[in-house]
C-alpha atoms as a PDB file:
ATOM      1  CA  MET A   1       0.000   0.000   0.000  1.00  0.00           C
ATOM      2  CA  ASP A   2       1.426   3.368  -0.945  1.00  0.00           C
ATOM      3  CA  PHE A   3      -0.096   6.406   0.707  1.00  0.00           C
ATOM      4  CA  SER A   4       1.020   9.951   0.146  1.00  0.00           C
ATOM      5  CA  PHE A   5      -0.171  13.037   1.928  1.00  0.00           C
ATOM      6  CA  GLU A   6      -0.232  16.578   0.667  1.00  0.00           C
ATOM      7  CA  ASN A   7       0.915  19.375   2.923  1.00  0.00           C
ATOM      8  CA  ASP A   8       1.032  23.144   2.263  1.00  0.00           C
ATOM      9  CA  ASN A   9       4.349  24.596   3.361  1.00  0.00           C
ATOM     10  CA  ALA A  10       5.008  28.209   4.375  1.00  0.00           C
ATOM     11  CA  PHE A  11       5.452  29.279   0.728  1.00  0.00           C
ATOM     12  CA  GLY A  12       2.127  27.861  -0.459  1.00  0.00           C
ATOM     13  CA  VAL A  13       3.817  25.020  -2.333  1.00  0.00           C
ATOM     14  CA  VAL A  14       2.172  21.635  -1.980  1.00  0.00           C
ATOM     15  CA  GLU A  15       4.599  18.909  -0.906  1.00  0.00           C
ATOM     16  CA  LYS A  16       3.879  15.206  -1.046  1.00  0.00           C
ATOM     17  CA  ILE A  17       4.897  13.389   2.098  1.00  0.00           C
ATOM     18  CA  LYS A  18       5.419   9.636   1.772  1.00  0.00           C
ATOM     19  CA  PRO A  19       5.449   7.280   4.713  1.00  0.00           C
ATOM     20  CA  PRO A  20       8.761   5.500   5.387  1.00  0.00           C
ATOM     21  CA  SER A  21       9.580   2.371   3.401  1.00  0.00           C
ATOM     22  CA  ASP A  22       9.134  -1.046   4.928  1.00  0.00           C
ATOM     23  CA  TYR A  23      11.969  -3.538   5.368  1.00  0.00           C
ATOM     24  CA  LYS A  24      11.886  -7.293   5.987  1.00  0.00           C
ATOM     25  CA  VAL A  25      14.068  -8.885   8.629  1.00  0.00           C
ATOM     26  CA  VAL A  26      15.103 -12.227   7.141  1.00  0.00           C
ATOM     27  CA  LEU A  27      16.605 -15.016   9.256  1.00  0.00           C
ATOM     28  CA  LEU A  28      19.103 -17.273   7.466  1.00  0.00           C
ATOM     29  CA  ASN A  29      19.563 -20.990   8.055  1.00  0.00           C
ATOM     30  CA  ASP A  30      22.831 -22.438   9.296  1.00  0.00           C
ATOM     31  CA  ASP A  31      23.923 -25.872  10.499  1.00  0.00           C
ATOM     32  CA  TYR A  32      24.508 -24.899  14.133  1.00  0.00           C
ATOM     33  CA  THR A  33      21.763 -22.643  15.513  1.00  0.00           C
ATOM     34  CA  THR A  34      19.123 -24.748  17.239  1.00  0.00           C
ATOM     35  CA  LYS A  35      15.479 -24.664  16.233  1.00  0.00           C
ATOM     36  CA  ASP A  36      14.523 -23.903  19.829  1.00  0.00           C
ATOM     37  CA  PHE A  37      16.775 -20.848  19.878  1.00  0.00           C
ATOM     38  CA  VAL A  38      15.231 -19.526  16.642  1.00  0.00           C
ATOM     39  CA  VAL A  39      11.737 -19.976  18.099  1.00  0.00           C
ATOM     40  CA  ASP A  40      12.813 -18.181  21.290  1.00  0.00           C
ATOM     41  CA  VAL A  41      14.215 -15.238  19.274  1.00  0.00           C
ATOM     42  CA  LEU A  42      11.048 -15.003  17.207  1.00  0.00           C
ATOM     43  CA  ARG A  43       8.947 -14.912  20.367  1.00  0.00           C
ATOM     44  CA  GLN A  44      11.138 -12.517  22.372  1.00  0.00           C
ATOM     45  CA  VAL A  45      12.398 -10.092  19.736  1.00  0.00           C
ATOM     46  CA  PHE A  46       9.658 -10.254  17.101  1.00  0.00           C
ATOM     47  CA  HIS A  47       6.739 -10.927  19.486  1.00  0.00           C
ATOM     48  CA  LYS A  48       5.435 -13.916  17.526  1.00  0.00           C
ATOM     49  CA  SER A  49       3.080 -16.479  18.995  1.00  0.00           C
ATOM     50  CA  GLU A  50       4.411 -19.993  19.528  1.00  0.00           C
ATOM     51  CA  THR A  51       2.573 -21.181  16.400  1.00  0.00           C
ATOM     52  CA  GLU A  52       3.867 -18.320  14.222  1.00  0.00           C
ATOM     53  CA  ALA A  53       7.398 -18.742  15.550  1.00  0.00           C
ATOM     54  CA  VAL A  54       7.426 -22.465  14.755  1.00  0.00           C
ATOM     55  CA  GLN A  55       6.093 -21.812  11.224  1.00  0.00           C
ATOM     56  CA  ILE A  56       8.782 -19.205  10.530  1.00  0.00           C
ATOM     57  CA  MET A  57      11.491 -21.446  12.025  1.00  0.00           C
ATOM     58  CA  GLU A  58      10.376 -24.314   9.767  1.00  0.00           C
ATOM     59  CA  SER A  59      10.565 -21.997   6.761  1.00  0.00           C
ATOM     60  CA  VAL A  60      14.101 -21.003   7.735  1.00  0.00           C
ATOM     61  CA  HIS A  61      15.065 -24.650   8.203  1.00  0.00           C
ATOM     62  CA  LYS A  62      13.478 -25.984   4.995  1.00  0.00           C
ATOM     63  CA  SER A  63      13.989 -23.143   2.509  1.00  0.00           C
ATOM     64  CA  GLY A  64      17.096 -21.497   3.927  1.00  0.00           C
ATOM     65  CA  SER A  65      15.453 -18.267   5.057  1.00  0.00           C
ATOM     66  CA  GLY A  66      12.306 -16.873   6.626  1.00  0.00           C
ATOM     67  CA  VAL A  67      10.796 -13.456   7.217  1.00  0.00           C
ATOM     68  CA  ALA A  68      10.695 -12.656  10.920  1.00  0.00           C
ATOM     69  CA  GLY A  69       8.820  -9.382  10.411  1.00  0.00           C
ATOM     70  CA  ILE A  70       8.363  -6.215   8.382  1.00  0.00           C
ATOM     71  CA  TYR A  71       9.223  -2.851   9.927  1.00  0.00           C
ATOM     72  CA  THR A  72      10.554   0.602   9.155  1.00  0.00           C
ATOM     73  CA  TYR A  73      14.318   0.638   8.535  1.00  0.00           C
ATOM     74  CA  ASP A  74      15.403   1.709  12.030  1.00  0.00           C
ATOM     75  CA  ILE A  75      13.229  -0.870  13.772  1.00  0.00           C
ATOM     76  CA  ALA A  76      14.254  -3.633  11.335  1.00  0.00           C
ATOM     77  CA  HIS A  77      17.924  -2.779  11.840  1.00  0.00           C
ATOM     78  CA  SER A  78      17.537  -2.792  15.640  1.00  0.00           C
ATOM     79  CA  LYS A  79      15.714  -6.137  15.678  1.00  0.00           C
ATOM     80  CA  ALA A  80      18.337  -7.714  13.404  1.00  0.00           C
ATOM     81  CA  ARG A  81      21.152  -6.398  15.620  1.00  0.00           C
ATOM     82  CA  ILE A  82      19.452  -7.611  18.811  1.00  0.00           C
ATOM     83  CA  THR A  83      18.888 -11.032  17.228  1.00  0.00           C
ATOM     84  CA  MET A  84      22.533 -11.437  16.243  1.00  0.00           C
ATOM     85  CA  GLU A  85      23.744 -10.185  19.637  1.00  0.00           C
ATOM     86  CA  MET A  86      21.542 -12.771  21.365  1.00  0.00           C
ATOM     87  CA  ALA A  87      22.865 -15.486  19.040  1.00  0.00           C
ATOM     88  CA  ARG A  88      26.525 -14.575  19.667  1.00  0.00           C
ATOM     89  CA  LYS A  89      25.924 -14.509  23.410  1.00  0.00           C
ATOM     90  CA  GLU A  90      24.609 -18.084  23.187  1.00  0.00           C
ATOM     91  CA  GLY A  91      27.398 -19.175  20.803  1.00  0.00           C
ATOM     92  CA  PHE A  92      25.264 -19.470  17.653  1.00  0.00           C
ATOM     93  CA  PRO A  93      26.209 -18.120  14.192  1.00  0.00           C
ATOM     94  CA  LEU A  94      22.615 -17.099  13.291  1.00  0.00           C
ATOM     95  CA  GLN A  95      22.573 -14.385  10.628  1.00  0.00           C
ATOM     96  CA  CYS A  96      19.905 -11.863   9.634  1.00  0.00           C
ATOM     97  CA  ARG A  97      19.603  -9.597   6.668  1.00  0.00           C
ATOM     98  CA  ILE A  98      17.382  -6.638   5.979  1.00  0.00           C
ATOM     99  CA  GLU A  99      15.641  -6.365   2.613  1.00  0.00           C
ATOM    100  CA  LYS A 100      13.360  -3.685   1.261  1.00  0.00           C
ATOM    101  CA  ALA A 101       9.803  -5.044   1.385  1.00  0.00           C
END
């Protein structure tokens, strides 16, 4: 969905204001990160239900990647960073990437 809003500025010129772009946080499969850890991250960081978290984890496991969520750039970047920090703390090599939605 693309919305734009018109706004009169001080000079009487109409400006179009677009909402920020959305970005996907994509989790990538590896041979070491446990399924349980991925589910925990999806629940804690991305606020997914148990059922949603398991579905996303299975997608990561079977297809090599899965979308954890769609957010504005700053939020997506923060969630990806938090995810990788949690993984490193637990000794897992889990990787995330951010893609324009």
